[in-house]
C-alpha atoms as a PDB file:
ATOM      1  CA  UNK A   1     154.743  73.599  55.786  1.00  0.00           C
ATOM      2  CA  UNK A   2     158.141  71.876  55.728  1.00  0.00           C
ATOM      3  CA  UNK A   3     158.360  68.786  57.920  1.00  0.00           C
ATOM      4  CA  UNK A   4     161.027  69.148  60.592  1.00  0.00           C
ATOM      5  CA  UNK A   5     162.726  66.395  62.606  1.00  0.00           C
ATOM      6  CA  UNK A   6     161.413  65.911  66.127  1.00  0.00           C
ATOM      7  CA  UNK A   7     164.036  66.725  68.771  1.00  0.00           C
ATOM      8  CA  UNK A   8     164.067  65.939  72.479  1.00  0.00           C
ATOM      9  CA  UNK A   9     165.691  68.176  75.091  1.00  0.00           C
ATOM     10  CA  UNK A  10     168.574  65.687  75.283  1.00  0.00           C
ATOM     11  CA  UNK A  11     168.995  65.945  71.503  1.00  0.00           C
ATOM     12  CA  UNK A  12     169.092  69.712  71.808  1.00  0.00           C
ATOM     13  CA  UNK A  13     171.758  69.566  74.524  1.00  0.00           C
ATOM     14  CA  UNK A  14     173.946  67.322  72.363  1.00  0.00           C
ATOM     15  CA  UNK A  15     173.365  69.519  69.334  1.00  0.00           C
ATOM     16  CA  UNK A  16     174.522  72.597  71.237  1.00  0.00           C
ATOM     17  CA  UNK A  17     177.619  71.031  72.784  1.00  0.00           C
ATOM     18  CA  UNK A  18     180.897  70.059  71.164  1.00  0.00           C
ATOM     19  CA  UNK A  19     182.395  68.441  74.304  1.00  0.00           C
ATOM     20  CA  UNK A  20     181.563  64.858  73.406  1.00  0.00           C
ATOM     21  CA  UNK A  21     182.555  65.423  69.785  1.00  0.00           C
ATOM     22  CA  UNK A  22     186.034  66.641  70.709  1.00  0.00           C
ATOM     23  CA  UNK A  23     186.466  63.793  73.210  1.00  0.00           C
ATOM     24  CA  UNK A  24     185.685  61.239  70.475  1.00  0.00           C
ATOM     25  CA  UNK A  25     187.865  62.951  67.854  1.00  0.00           C
ATOM     26  CA  UNK A  26     190.777  63.109  70.306  1.00  0.00           C
ATOM     27  CA  UNK A  27     190.448  59.396  71.092  1.00  0.00           C
ATOM     28  CA  UNK A  28     190.486  58.559  67.385  1.00  0.00           C
ATOM     29  CA  UNK A  29     193.444  60.849  66.725  1.00  0.00           C
ATOM     30  CA  UNK A  30     195.348  59.081  69.542  1.00  0.00           C
ATOM     31  CA  UNK A  31     194.288  55.791  67.910  1.00  0.00           C
ATOM     32  CA  UNK A  32     192.973  54.412  71.199  1.00  0.00           C
ATOM     33  CA  UNK A  33     190.368  52.176  69.564  1.00  0.00           C
ATOM     34  CA  UNK A  34     192.959  50.593  67.267  1.00  0.00           C
ATOM     35  CA  UNK A  35     195.175  49.936  70.299  1.00  0.00           C
ATOM     36  CA  UNK A  36     192.246  48.120  71.950  1.00  0.00           C
ATOM     37  CA  UNK A  37     191.446  46.082  68.844  1.00  0.00           C
ATOM     38  CA  UNK A  38     193.184  42.890  69.940  1.00  0.00           C
ATOM     39  CA  UNK A  39     192.805  42.982  73.709  1.00  0.00           C
ATOM     40  CA  UNK A  40     191.584  45.020  76.669  1.00  0.00           C
ATOM     41  CA  UNK A  41     194.059  47.308  78.448  1.00  0.00           C
ATOM     42  CA  UNK A  42     194.335  49.569  81.481  1.00  0.00           C
ATOM     43  CA  UNK A  43     194.798  53.322  81.352  1.00  0.00           C
ATOM     44  CA  UNK A  44     198.403  52.782  82.448  1.00  0.00           C
ATOM     45  CA  UNK A  45     198.989  50.331  79.560  1.00  0.00           C
ATOM     46  CA  UNK A  46     197.661  52.802  77.020  1.00  0.00           C
ATOM     47  CA  UNK A  47     199.512  55.726  78.583  1.00  0.00           C
ATOM     48  CA  UNK A  48     202.819  53.897  78.167  1.00  0.00           C
ATOM     49  CA  UNK A  49     202.034  53.130  74.518  1.00  0.00           C
ATOM     50  CA  UNK A  50     201.222  56.698  73.549  1.00  0.00           C
ATOM     51  CA  UNK A  51     203.525  58.401  76.093  1.00  0.00           C
ATOM     52  CA  UNK A  52     200.637  60.173  77.823  1.00  0.00           C
ATOM     53  CA  UNK A  53     199.765  61.244  81.346  1.00  0.00           C
ATOM     54  CA  UNK A  54     197.985  58.195  82.821  1.00  0.00           C
ATOM     55  CA  UNK A  55     195.690  60.178  85.130  1.00  0.00           C
ATOM     56  CA  UNK A  56     194.497  62.516  82.383  1.00  0.00           C
ATOM     57  CA  UNK A  57     194.109  59.647  79.927  1.00  0.00           C
ATOM     58  CA  UNK A  58     191.977  57.769  82.470  1.00  0.00           C
ATOM     59  CA  UNK A  59     189.551  60.716  82.569  1.00  0.00           C
ATOM     60  CA  UNK A  60     189.247  60.548  78.782  1.00  0.00           C
ATOM     61  CA  UNK A  61     188.722  56.784  78.820  1.00  0.00           C
ATOM     62  CA  UNK A  62     186.027  57.038  81.492  1.00  0.00           C
ATOM     63  CA  UNK A  63     184.221  59.659  79.423  1.00  0.00           C
ATOM     64  CA  UNK A  64     184.384  57.342  76.403  1.00  0.00           C
ATOM     65  CA  UNK A  65     182.739  54.659  78.537  1.00  0.00           C
ATOM     66  CA  UNK A  66     180.111  57.197  79.556  1.00  0.00           C
ATOM     67  CA  UNK A  67     179.209  58.120  75.971  1.00  0.00           C
ATOM     68  CA  UNK A  68     179.028  54.447  74.992  1.00  0.00           C
ATOM     69  CA  UNK A  69     182.018  53.673  72.784  1.00  0.00           C
ATOM     70  CA  UNK A  70     184.155  51.859  75.374  1.00  0.00           C
ATOM     71  CA  UNK A  71     183.368  49.288  78.081  1.00  0.00           C
ATOM     72  CA  UNK A  72     185.110  49.068  81.456  1.00  0.00           C
ATOM     73  CA  UNK A  73     185.542  46.099  83.782  1.00  0.00           C
ATOM     74  CA  UNK A  74     187.654  46.577  86.898  1.00  0.00           C
ATOM     75  CA  UNK A  75     190.526  48.735  85.572  1.00  0.00           C
ATOM     76  CA  UNK A  76     190.417  47.370  82.026  1.00  0.00           C
ATOM     77  CA  UNK A  77     188.944  49.080  78.963  1.00  0.00           C
ATOM     78  CA  UNK A  78     187.777  47.451  75.757  1.00  0.00           C
ATOM     79  CA  UNK A  79     185.975  48.514  72.596  1.00  0.00           C
ATOM     80  CA  UNK A  80     182.231  48.206  72.234  1.00  0.00           C
ATOM     81  CA  UNK A  81     181.149  46.265  69.117  1.00  0.00           C
ATOM     82  CA  UNK A  82     180.377  49.597  67.422  1.00  0.00           C
ATOM     83  CA  UNK A  83     183.850  50.958  68.142  1.00  0.00           C
ATOM     84  CA  UNK A  84     185.436  47.676  67.066  1.00  0.00           C
ATOM     85  CA  UNK A  85     183.792  47.856  63.638  1.00  0.00           C
ATOM     86  CA  UNK A  86     183.872  51.612  62.960  1.00  0.00           C
ATOM     87  CA  UNK A  87     186.478  53.489  65.028  1.00  0.00           C
ATOM     88  CA  UNK A  88     189.690  51.574  64.350  1.00  0.00           C
ATOM     89  CA  UNK A  89     192.336  52.590  61.835  1.00  0.00           C
ATOM     90  CA  UNK A  90     191.323  52.107  58.202  1.00  0.00           C
ATOM     91  CA  UNK A  91     187.572  52.274  58.731  1.00  0.00           C
ATOM     92  CA  UNK A  92     185.582  54.957  56.931  1.00  0.00           C
ATOM     93  CA  UNK A  93     184.599  56.782  60.135  1.00  0.00           C
ATOM     94  CA  UNK A  94     188.253  56.818  61.228  1.00  0.00           C
ATOM     95  CA  UNK A  95     189.147  58.823  58.109  1.00  0.00           C
ATOM     96  CA  UNK A  96     186.152  61.162  58.521  1.00  0.00           C
ATOM     97  CA  UNK A  97     187.111  61.802  62.139  1.00  0.00           C
ATOM     98  CA  UNK A  98     190.656  62.796  61.188  1.00  0.00           C
ATOM     99  CA  UNK A  99     189.252  65.126  58.535  1.00  0.00           C
ATOM    100  CA  UNK A 100     186.849  66.696  61.046  1.00  0.00           C
ATOM    101  CA  UNK A 101     189.670  67.200  63.529  1.00  0.00           C
ATOM    102  CA  UNK A 102     191.809  68.937  60.900  1.00  0.00           C
ATOM    103  CA  UNK A 103     188.875  71.251  60.108  1.00  0.00           C
ATOM    104  CA  UNK A 104     188.232  72.025  63.784  1.00  0.00           C
ATOM    105  CA  UNK A 105     189.759  75.517  63.704  1.00  0.00           C
ATOM    106  CA  UNK A 106     188.229  76.303  60.314  1.00  0.00           C
ATOM    107  CA  UNK A 107     184.788  75.955  61.910  1.00  0.00           C
ATOM    108  CA  UNK A 108     185.717  78.750  64.310  1.00  0.00           C
ATOM    109  CA  UNK A 109     185.410  81.110  61.333  1.00  0.00           C
ATOM    110  CA  UNK A 110     181.763  80.251  60.585  1.00  0.00           C
ATOM    111  CA  UNK A 111     180.270  83.223  62.456  1.00  0.00           C
ATOM    112  CA  UNK A 112     182.599  85.650  60.682  1.00  0.00           C
ATOM    113  CA  UNK A 113     181.802  84.094  57.307  1.00  0.00           C
ATOM    114  CA  UNK A 114     178.054  84.337  57.913  1.00  0.00           C
ATOM    115  CA  UNK A 115     178.288  87.993  58.996  1.00  0.00           C
ATOM    116  CA  UNK A 116     180.776  89.160  56.392  1.00  0.00           C
ATOM    117  CA  UNK A 117     179.703  87.064  53.425  1.00  0.00           C
ATOM    118  CA  UNK A 118     183.350  86.275  52.686  1.00  0.00           C
ATOM    119  CA  UNK A 119     184.768  82.779  52.416  1.00  0.00           C
ATOM    120  CA  UNK A 120     187.302  81.618  54.989  1.00  0.00           C
ATOM    121  CA  UNK A 121     189.724  80.896  52.124  1.00  0.00           C
ATOM    122  CA  UNK A 122     189.935  81.397  48.401  1.00  0.00           C
ATOM    123  CA  UNK A 123     191.300  77.883  47.943  1.00  0.00           C
ATOM    124  CA  UNK A 124     189.362  74.655  48.271  1.00  0.00           C
ATOM    125  CA  UNK A 125     190.256  71.966  50.779  1.00  0.00           C
ATOM    126  CA  UNK A 126     192.097  70.045  48.033  1.00  0.00           C
ATOM    127  CA  UNK A 127     194.360  73.019  47.292  1.00  0.00           C
ATOM    128  CA  UNK A 128     195.073  74.385  50.769  1.00  0.00           C
ATOM    129  CA  UNK A 129     195.306  71.242  52.950  1.00  0.00           C
ATOM    130  CA  UNK A 130     196.718  68.119  51.235  1.00  0.00           C
ATOM    131  CA  UNK A 131     196.576  66.088  54.475  1.00  0.00           C
ATOM    132  CA  UNK A 132     192.874  66.803  54.959  1.00  0.00           C
ATOM    133  CA  UNK A 133     192.227  66.103  51.277  1.00  0.00           C
ATOM    134  CA  UNK A 134     193.886  62.684  51.618  1.00  0.00           C
ATOM    135  CA  UNK A 135     191.641  61.754  54.540  1.00  0.00           C
ATOM    136  CA  UNK A 136     188.618  62.955  52.553  1.00  0.00           C
ATOM    137  CA  UNK A 137     189.543  60.876  49.503  1.00  0.00           C
ATOM    138  CA  UNK A 138     190.091  57.754  51.591  1.00  0.00           C
ATOM    139  CA  UNK A 139     186.817  58.265  53.462  1.00  0.00           C
ATOM    140  CA  UNK A 140     184.954  58.746  50.200  1.00  0.00           C
ATOM    141  CA  UNK A 141     186.575  55.642  48.710  1.00  0.00           C
ATOM    142  CA  UNK A 142     185.616  53.536  51.714  1.00  0.00           C
ATOM    143  CA  UNK A 143     181.986  54.655  51.586  1.00  0.00           C
ATOM    144  CA  UNK A 144     181.383  55.109  47.882  1.00  0.00           C
ATOM    145  CA  UNK A 145     182.345  51.830  46.248  1.00  0.00           C
ATOM    146  CA  UNK A 146     178.997  50.138  46.914  1.00  0.00           C
ATOM    147  CA  UNK A 147     177.167  53.228  45.642  1.00  0.00           C
ATOM    148  CA  UNK A 148     179.344  53.210  42.537  1.00  0.00           C
ATOM    149  CA  UNK A 149     178.436  49.558  41.977  1.00  0.00           C
ATOM    150  CA  UNK A 150     174.763  50.541  42.282  1.00  0.00           C
ATOM    151  CA  UNK A 151     175.265  53.158  39.567  1.00  0.00           C
ATOM    152  CA  UNK A 152     176.817  50.476  37.347  1.00  0.00           C
ATOM    153  CA  UNK A 153     173.726  48.296  37.793  1.00  0.00           C
ATOM    154  CA  UNK A 154     171.179  51.114  37.334  1.00  0.00           C
ATOM    155  CA  UNK A 155     172.754  52.909  34.365  1.00  0.00           C
ATOM    156  CA  UNK A 156     173.261  50.902  31.179  1.00  0.00           C
ATOM    157  CA  UNK A 157     176.684  51.816  29.834  1.00  0.00           C
ATOM    158  CA  UNK A 158     176.922  48.911  27.397  1.00  0.00           C
ATOM    159  CA  UNK A 159     176.450  51.188  24.311  1.00  0.00           C
ATOM    160  CA  UNK A 160     179.356  53.407  25.383  1.00  0.00           C
ATOM    161  CA  UNK A 161     183.079  52.816  25.064  1.00  0.00           C
ATOM    162  CA  UNK A 162     184.781  55.928  26.445  1.00  0.00           C
ATOM    163  CA  UNK A 163     184.069  57.655  29.758  1.00  0.00           C
ATOM    164  CA  UNK A 164     185.456  60.914  31.142  1.00  0.00           C
ATOM    165  CA  UNK A 165     185.271  60.972  34.946  1.00  0.00           C
ATOM    166  CA  UNK A 166     185.528  64.611  36.060  1.00  0.00           C
ATOM    167  CA  UNK A 167     186.519  64.902  39.701  1.00  0.00           C
ATOM    168  CA  UNK A 168     187.188  61.176  39.896  1.00  0.00           C
ATOM    169  CA  UNK A 169     188.989  61.502  43.238  1.00  0.00           C
ATOM    170  CA  UNK A 170     190.352  58.145  44.357  1.00  0.00           C
ATOM    171  CA  UNK A 171     188.868  56.535  41.239  1.00  0.00           C
ATOM    172  CA  UNK A 172     185.942  54.809  42.947  1.00  0.00           C
ATOM    173  CA  UNK A 173     183.368  55.252  40.195  1.00  0.00           C
ATOM    174  CA  UNK A 174     185.720  54.577  37.297  1.00  0.00           C
ATOM    175  CA  UNK A 175     186.947  51.388  38.945  1.00  0.00           C
ATOM    176  CA  UNK A 176     183.419  50.140  39.682  1.00  0.00           C
ATOM    177  CA  UNK A 177     182.159  51.004  36.182  1.00  0.00           C
ATOM    178  CA  UNK A 178     185.198  49.444  34.510  1.00  0.00           C
ATOM    179  CA  UNK A 179     184.701  46.212  36.488  1.00  0.00           C
ATOM    180  CA  UNK A 180     181.035  46.129  35.474  1.00  0.00           C
ATOM    181  CA  UNK A 181     181.740  47.031  31.822  1.00  0.00           C
ATOM    182  CA  UNK A 182     185.109  45.522  30.799  1.00  0.00           C
ATOM    183  CA  UNK A 183     184.950  47.156  27.350  1.00  0.00           C
ATOM    184  CA  UNK A 184     184.816  50.655  28.866  1.00  0.00           C
ATOM    185  CA  UNK A 185     187.938  52.813  28.795  1.00  0.00           C
ATOM    186  CA  UNK A 186     187.867  55.550  31.447  1.00  0.00           C
ATOM    187  CA  UNK A 187     189.797  58.792  31.810  1.00  0.00           C
ATOM    188  CA  UNK A 188     189.889  60.515  35.191  1.00  0.00           C
ATOM    189  CA  UNK A 189     190.334  64.302  35.084  1.00  0.00           C
ATOM    190  CA  UNK A 190     191.091  65.844  38.472  1.00  0.00           C
ATOM    191  CA  UNK A 191     193.346  68.241  40.355  1.00  0.00           C
ATOM    192  CA  UNK A 192     197.050  67.297  40.371  1.00  0.00           C
ATOM    193  CA  UNK A 193     197.104  66.799  44.137  1.00  0.00           C
ATOM    194  CA  UNK A 194     194.484  64.030  44.039  1.00  0.00           C
ATOM    195  CA  UNK A 195     196.049  61.901  41.293  1.00  0.00           C
ATOM    196  CA  UNK A 196     198.758  60.128  43.351  1.00  0.00           C
ATOM    197  CA  UNK A 197     195.973  58.616  45.464  1.00  0.00           C
ATOM    198  CA  UNK A 198     193.987  57.803  42.303  1.00  0.00           C
ATOM    199  CA  UNK A 199     197.008  56.063  40.798  1.00  0.00           C
ATOM    200  CA  UNK A 200     197.469  54.002  43.957  1.00  0.00           C
ATOM    201  CA  UNK A 201     193.830  52.837  43.909  1.00  0.00           C
ATOM    202  CA  UNK A 202     193.758  51.988  40.191  1.00  0.00           C
ATOM    203  CA  UNK A 203     196.955  49.969  40.620  1.00  0.00           C
ATOM    204  CA  UNK A 204     195.429  48.067  43.539  1.00  0.00           C
ATOM    205  CA  UNK A 205     192.483  47.222  41.263  1.00  0.00           C
ATOM    206  CA  UNK A 206     194.938  46.229  38.481  1.00  0.00           C
ATOM    207  CA  UNK A 207     193.247  48.713  36.145  1.00  0.00           C
ATOM    208  CA  UNK A 208     196.067  51.182  35.587  1.00  0.00           C
ATOM    209  CA  UNK A 209     196.175  50.259  31.867  1.00  0.00           C
ATOM    210  CA  UNK A 210     192.424  50.809  31.398  1.00  0.00           C
ATOM    211  CA  UNK A 211     191.980  54.002  33.413  1.00  0.00           C
ATOM    212  CA  UNK A 212     193.899  57.033  32.188  1.00  0.00           C
ATOM    213  CA  UNK A 213     194.748  59.899  34.578  1.00  0.00           C
ATOM    214  CA  UNK A 214     194.925  63.533  33.432  1.00  0.00           C
ATOM    215  CA  UNK A 215     195.588  66.499  35.718  1.00  0.00           C
ATOM    216  CA  UNK A 216     193.559  69.661  35.307  1.00  0.00           C
ATOM    217  CA  UNK A 217     191.178  72.194  36.819  1.00  0.00           C
ATOM    218  CA  UNK A 218     187.623  72.285  35.451  1.00  0.00           C
ATOM    219  CA  UNK A 219     187.312  75.972  36.355  1.00  0.00           C
ATOM    220  CA  UNK A 220     190.333  76.915  34.205  1.00  0.00           C
ATOM    221  CA  UNK A 221     191.078  74.182  31.682  1.00  0.00           C
ATOM    222  CA  UNK A 222     189.293  72.664  28.738  1.00  0.00           C
ATOM    223  CA  UNK A 223     188.260  69.011  28.920  1.00  0.00           C
ATOM    224  CA  UNK A 224     190.676  66.556  27.282  1.00  0.00           C
ATOM    225  CA  UNK A 225     189.202  64.834  24.216  1.00  0.00           C
ATOM    226  CA  UNK A 226     185.783  63.603  23.051  1.00  0.00           C
ATOM    227  CA  UNK A 227     183.840  60.859  24.861  1.00  0.00           C
ATOM    228  CA  UNK A 228     180.662  58.782  24.676  1.00  0.00           C
ATOM    229  CA  UNK A 229     179.802  59.496  28.303  1.00  0.00           C
ATOM    230  CA  UNK A 230     180.903  61.994  30.958  1.00  0.00           C
ATOM    231  CA  UNK A 231     180.589  61.554  34.711  1.00  0.00           C
ATOM    232  CA  UNK A 232     180.718  64.722  36.838  1.00  0.00           C
ATOM    233  CA  UNK A 233     181.494  63.234  40.221  1.00  0.00           C
ATOM    234  CA  UNK A 234     181.007  65.315  43.404  1.00  0.00           C
ATOM    235  CA  UNK A 235     182.314  68.468  41.734  1.00  0.00           C
ATOM    236  CA  UNK A 236     179.189  70.627  41.553  1.00  0.00           C
ATOM    237  CA  UNK A 237     179.066  71.566  45.245  1.00  0.00           C
ATOM    238  CA  UNK A 238     182.585  73.042  45.011  1.00  0.00           C
ATOM    239  CA  UNK A 239     181.531  75.452  42.219  1.00  0.00           C
ATOM    240  CA  UNK A 240     179.443  78.597  42.052  1.00  0.00           C
ATOM    241  CA  UNK A 241     176.525  78.922  39.630  1.00  0.00           C
ATOM    242  CA  UNK A 242     178.537  80.561  36.845  1.00  0.00           C
ATOM    243  CA  UNK A 243     181.241  77.894  37.083  1.00  0.00           C
ATOM    244  CA  UNK A 244     178.634  75.108  36.933  1.00  0.00           C
ATOM    245  CA  UNK A 245     177.061  76.616  33.823  1.00  0.00           C
ATOM    246  CA  UNK A 246     180.478  76.845  32.144  1.00  0.00           C
ATOM    247  CA  UNK A 247     181.342  73.292  33.180  1.00  0.00           C
ATOM    248  CA  UNK A 248     178.163  71.816  31.692  1.00  0.00           C
ATOM    249  CA  UNK A 249     178.850  73.685  28.439  1.00  0.00           C
ATOM    250  CA  UNK A 250     182.341  72.161  28.397  1.00  0.00           C
ATOM    251  CA  UNK A 251     180.807  68.735  29.022  1.00  0.00           C
ATOM    252  CA  UNK A 252     178.435  69.183  26.076  1.00  0.00           C
ATOM    253  CA  UNK A 253     181.374  70.078  23.829  1.00  0.00           C
ATOM    254  CA  UNK A 254     183.326  67.020  25.026  1.00  0.00           C
ATOM    255  CA  UNK A 255     180.467  64.617  24.290  1.00  0.00           C
ATOM    256  CA  UNK A 256     179.769  62.735  21.068  1.00  0.00           C
ATOM    257  CA  UNK A 257     176.351  63.332  19.498  1.00  0.00           C
ATOM    258  CA  UNK A 258     173.681  61.847  21.776  1.00  0.00           C
ATOM    259  CA  UNK A 259     176.305  61.251  24.432  1.00  0.00           C
ATOM    260  CA  UNK A 260     175.261  60.894  28.066  1.00  0.00           C
ATOM    261  CA  UNK A 261     176.201  62.906  31.142  1.00  0.00           C
ATOM    262  CA  UNK A 262     175.930  61.526  34.668  1.00  0.00           C
ATOM    263  CA  UNK A 263     176.005  64.153  37.416  1.00  0.00           C
ATOM    264  CA  UNK A 264     176.707  62.658  40.807  1.00  0.00           C
ATOM    265  CA  UNK A 265     176.458  64.966  43.808  1.00  0.00           C
ATOM    266  CA  UNK A 266     174.687  65.679  47.101  1.00  0.00           C
ATOM    267  CA  UNK A 267     171.388  67.176  45.931  1.00  0.00           C
ATOM    268  CA  UNK A 268     168.838  68.883  48.145  1.00  0.00           C
ATOM    269  CA  UNK A 269     165.073  68.734  47.956  1.00  0.00           C
ATOM    270  CA  UNK A 270     163.298  71.782  46.535  1.00  0.00           C
ATOM    271  CA  UNK A 271     162.956  73.349  50.009  1.00  0.00           C
ATOM    272  CA  UNK A 272     166.773  73.022  50.427  1.00  0.00           C
ATOM    273  CA  UNK A 273     166.229  71.898  54.055  1.00  0.00           C
ATOM    274  CA  UNK A 274     166.520  68.158  53.449  1.00  0.00           C
ATOM    275  CA  UNK A 275     168.102  65.688  53.515  1.00  0.00           C
ATOM    276  CA  UNK A 276     169.394  66.851  56.893  1.00  0.00           C
ATOM    277  CA  UNK A 277     172.950  65.646  56.294  1.00  0.00           C
ATOM    278  CA  UNK A 278     173.139  67.464  52.954  1.00  0.00           C
ATOM    279  CA  UNK A 279     171.776  70.710  54.418  1.00  0.00           C
ATOM    280  CA  UNK A 280     174.452  70.536  57.131  1.00  0.00           C
ATOM    281  CA  UNK A 281     177.142  69.625  54.583  1.00  0.00           C
ATOM    282  CA  UNK A 282     176.189  72.727  52.600  1.00  0.00           C
ATOM    283  CA  UNK A 283     177.186  74.852  55.602  1.00  0.00           C
ATOM    284  CA  UNK A 284     180.458  72.939  55.990  1.00  0.00           C
ATOM    285  CA  UNK A 285     181.422  73.986  52.472  1.00  0.00           C
ATOM    286  CA  UNK A 286     181.636  77.581  53.691  1.00  0.00           C
ATOM    287  CA  UNK A 287     184.623  76.704  55.888  1.00  0.00           C
ATOM    288  CA  UNK A 288     186.167  74.322  53.337  1.00  0.00           C
ATOM    289  CA  UNK A 289     186.359  76.858  50.518  1.00  0.00           C
ATOM    290  CA  UNK A 290     183.533  75.254  48.544  1.00  0.00           C
ATOM    291  CA  UNK A 291     180.226  76.691  47.341  1.00  0.00           C
ATOM    292  CA  UNK A 292     176.978  75.000  48.433  1.00  0.00           C
ATOM    293  CA  UNK A 293     174.703  72.046  47.723  1.00  0.00           C
ATOM    294  CA  UNK A 294     172.104  72.509  45.005  1.00  0.00           C
ATOM    295  CA  UNK A 295     168.681  71.043  44.349  1.00  0.00           C
ATOM    296  CA  UNK A 296     167.827  68.585  41.591  1.00  0.00           C
ATOM    297  CA  UNK A 297     165.791  71.285  39.819  1.00  0.00           C
ATOM    298  CA  UNK A 298     168.789  73.636  39.748  1.00  0.00           C
ATOM    299  CA  UNK A 299     171.020  70.902  38.321  1.00  0.00           C
ATOM    300  CA  UNK A 300     168.447  69.917  35.699  1.00  0.00           C
ATOM    301  CA  UNK A 301     168.013  73.554  34.641  1.00  0.00           C
ATOM    302  CA  UNK A 302     171.751  74.076  34.086  1.00  0.00           C
ATOM    303  CA  UNK A 303     171.901  70.890  32.024  1.00  0.00           C
ATOM    304  CA  UNK A 304     168.985  72.015  29.854  1.00  0.00           C
ATOM    305  CA  UNK A 305     170.623  75.398  29.283  1.00  0.00           C
ATOM    306  CA  UNK A 306     173.806  73.600  28.183  1.00  0.00           C
ATOM    307  CA  UNK A 307     171.961  71.669  25.489  1.00  0.00           C
ATOM    308  CA  UNK A 308     170.856  68.504  27.272  1.00  0.00           C
ATOM    309  CA  UNK A 309     167.383  67.044  27.575  1.00  0.00           C
ATOM    310  CA  UNK A 310     165.975  67.705  31.028  1.00  0.00           C
ATOM    311  CA  UNK A 311     167.767  65.294  33.327  1.00  0.00           C
ATOM    312  CA  UNK A 312     166.230  62.265  34.960  1.00  0.00           C
ATOM    313  CA  UNK A 313     166.878  61.684  38.676  1.00  0.00           C
ATOM    314  CA  UNK A 314     168.081  58.087  38.490  1.00  0.00           C
ATOM    315  CA  UNK A 315     169.053  57.889  42.180  1.00  0.00           C
ATOM    316  CA  UNK A 316     167.092  60.325  44.391  1.00  0.00           C
ATOM    317  CA  UNK A 317     169.220  63.272  45.518  1.00  0.00           C
ATOM    318  CA  UNK A 318     172.366  61.599  44.212  1.00  0.00           C
ATOM    319  CA  UNK A 319     172.465  61.001  40.447  1.00  0.00           C
ATOM    320  CA  UNK A 320     171.098  62.925  37.445  1.00  0.00           C
ATOM    321  CA  UNK A 321     171.231  61.505  33.916  1.00  0.00           C
ATOM    322  CA  UNK A 322     170.811  63.536  30.721  1.00  0.00           C
ATOM    323  CA  UNK A 323     171.393  63.025  26.968  1.00  0.00           C
ATOM    324  CA  UNK A 324     172.941  65.597  24.669  1.00  0.00           C
ATOM    325  CA  UNK A 325     170.441  67.075  22.227  1.00  0.00           C
ATOM    326  CA  UNK A 326     171.531  67.263  18.601  1.00  0.00           C
ATOM    327  CA  UNK A 327     169.504  69.291  16.079  1.00  0.00           C
ATOM    328  CA  UNK A 328     169.587  69.409  12.291  1.00  0.00           C
ATOM    329  CA  UNK A 329     169.837  72.565  10.199  1.00  0.00           C
ATOM    330  CA  UNK A 330     166.092  73.181  10.607  1.00  0.00           C
ATOM    331  CA  UNK A 331     166.365  73.081  14.389  1.00  0.00           C
ATOM    332  CA  UNK A 332     164.699  69.681  14.719  1.00  0.00           C
ATOM    333  CA  UNK A 333     166.129  67.157  17.121  1.00  0.00           C
ATOM    334  CA  UNK A 334     167.769  64.240  15.351  1.00  0.00           C
ATOM    335  CA  UNK A 335     167.154  60.582  16.204  1.00  0.00           C
ATOM    336  CA  UNK A 336     168.993  59.063  19.104  1.00  0.00           C
ATOM    337  CA  UNK A 337     171.826  56.594  19.221  1.00  0.00           C
ATOM    338  CA  UNK A 338     171.962  54.376  22.282  1.00  0.00           C
ATOM    339  CA  UNK A 339     169.682  54.775  25.281  1.00  0.00           C
ATOM    340  CA  UNK A 340     169.577  55.671  28.930  1.00  0.00           C
ATOM    341  CA  UNK A 341     169.441  52.630  31.181  1.00  0.00           C
END
């Protein structure tokens, strides 16, 4: 029996209604919380700033008070502490909200996709909607840097000198690993549309001379060069099973003998029903042009088939580590160089 989360009737009502969600997304898109960052304001004040209908805006503001993200005293509105720290411009949730709003109409296609078995689009989010992709990259950068630092502390990269970061996005992992291991030279390999953002972030970190950027598509192109270590960063869930198998074979070819691969993704438990957020994210990939989320066992199997030792789950449901197997002419595995931290 698979354990299921306990839901109340109120939880069920919220789960089945998108009213409050659209109210919050609209408020963020209008940047109301940022406009209330410094001081409280009336509906009329805000209406003048955004050139809105004051009466209609007041209804929205009252609803935001009702759901708990604004406070109201007399005719003045102000942010709650939660809104002040999470819903203003530049915060991670602010970027996620803009992304969700851009995907709003894509979600309308979910029923058709489920019934027909056809994807809503042949292109991924990164190819078909550059604006949405930018919000996604910025949201991921905001939320991933601490996790990338954790990877740097858990995985010992001191024996390695060259790293290929496949799907490096805004460069979060490469930047964190380079700061932790100053001797490491990283190359980020990602779609052309993502690299301007990557370049901006590496320049902000003053690492543009130590992190090389190469444009390419892992589903079509070979990997550039030979490396000690390869990081496959949040790419797997965009690919189907055949593409993943081909990618891991490319990774094996691009690795030095006894090189290490790190596969970072959103992995499901064996039942594929948990974690809850990952199971829900797997559905979202249907409307974003992606594939699905996979389990650790599936990832480990593909790595083994590509010539790696069975991977170790270094961070539960987030990071798999595996070493490339090298055999002599008699088929025996040769001795290792380096180690997995």
